[in-house]
Amino acid sequence: MTEPLDSDLTPAQRVDDIPRILRALRLAVQEALWRHRLAGNPVAIWKDGRVKWVQPEDIPVPEDEGRA
């Protein structure tokens, strides 16, 4: 089954579609991490109650996702 187009859903239905929202957020985070790694920029994470910087080479993102 394919997902309906956004235009097929009411605003209330879109807000209530939590699985779809979470998928979109995960994809956005993966894209941001990939771009940081590609640009050589570290990212900040929260770990053990503190902010920690992750260097670009240590950012865990799949390498072959079809990006150019």
Protein backbone atom coordinates (compact mmCIF):
# COMPACT_ATOMS: atom_id res chain seq x y z
CA MET A 1 0.00 0.00 0.00
CA THR A 2 1.36 3.41 -0.88
CA GLU A 3 1.13 6.45 1.35
CA PRO A 4 -1.46 9.04 0.34
CA LEU A 5 -0.26 12.33 -1.01
CA ASP A 6 -0.20 15.20 1.48
CA SER A 7 -2.97 16.87 -0.50
CA ASP A 8 -5.20 13.84 0.16
CA LEU A 9 -4.98 14.34 3.93
CA THR A 10 -6.53 16.97 6.11
CA PRO A 11 -4.17 18.98 8.35
CA ALA A 12 -5.50 17.06 11.37
CA GLN A 13 -4.75 13.74 9.69
CA ARG A 14 -1.21 14.85 8.88
CA VAL A 15 -0.56 15.91 12.47
CA ASP A 16 -1.95 12.60 13.76
CA ASP A 17 0.25 10.47 11.48
CA ILE A 18 3.01 9.94 14.05
CA PRO A 19 4.82 7.07 12.23
CA ARG A 20 5.07 9.17 9.07
CA ILE A 21 6.35 12.18 11.05
CA LEU A 22 8.97 10.04 12.81
CA ARG A 23 10.16 8.59 9.47
CA ALA A 24 10.54 12.09 8.07
CA LEU A 25 12.49 13.23 11.13
CA ARG A 26 14.81 10.21 10.97
CA LEU A 27 15.51 10.88 7.30
CA ALA A 28 16.19 14.55 8.01
CA VAL A 29 18.65 13.68 10.79
CA GLN A 30 20.43 11.14 8.56
CA GLU A 31 20.72 13.76 5.83
CA ALA A 32 22.06 16.38 8.25
CA LEU A 33 24.63 13.94 9.66
CA TRP A 34 25.71 12.93 6.17
CA ARG A 35 26.11 16.58 5.14
CA HIS A 36 28.15 17.38 8.26
CA ARG A 37 30.41 14.42 7.60
CA LEU A 38 30.82 15.35 3.94
CA ALA A 39 31.64 18.97 4.82
CA GLY A 40 34.08 17.90 7.54
CA ASN A 41 32.06 19.51 10.35
CA PRO A 42 31.67 17.95 13.78
CA VAL A 43 28.25 17.52 15.40
CA ALA A 44 27.24 18.01 19.01
CA ILE A 45 25.43 15.22 20.83
CA TRP A 46 24.11 14.80 24.36
CA LYS A 47 25.79 11.89 26.16
CA ASP A 48 26.03 11.03 29.84
CA GLY A 49 24.50 14.35 30.84
CA ARG A 50 26.99 16.43 28.86
CA VAL A 51 27.46 17.86 25.41
CA LYS A 52 30.03 15.91 23.42
CA TRP A 53 31.48 16.76 20.01
CA VAL A 54 31.64 13.97 17.44
CA GLN A 55 34.31 14.47 14.81
CA PRO A 56 33.25 14.09 11.16
CA GLU A 57 35.09 10.80 10.65
CA ASP A 58 33.27 9.33 13.67
CA ILE A 59 29.75 10.33 12.57
CA PRO A 60 27.83 7.07 12.09
CA VAL A 61 26.04 7.30 8.75
CA PRO A 62 25.67 4.68 6.01
CA GLU A 63 28.16 5.43 3.26
CA ASP A 64 26.30 4.12 0.22
CA GLU A 65 22.80 5.58 0.20
CA GLY A 66 22.95 6.66 -3.42
CA ARG A 67 24.10 10.21 -2.71
CA ALA A 68 26.45 11.94 -5.10
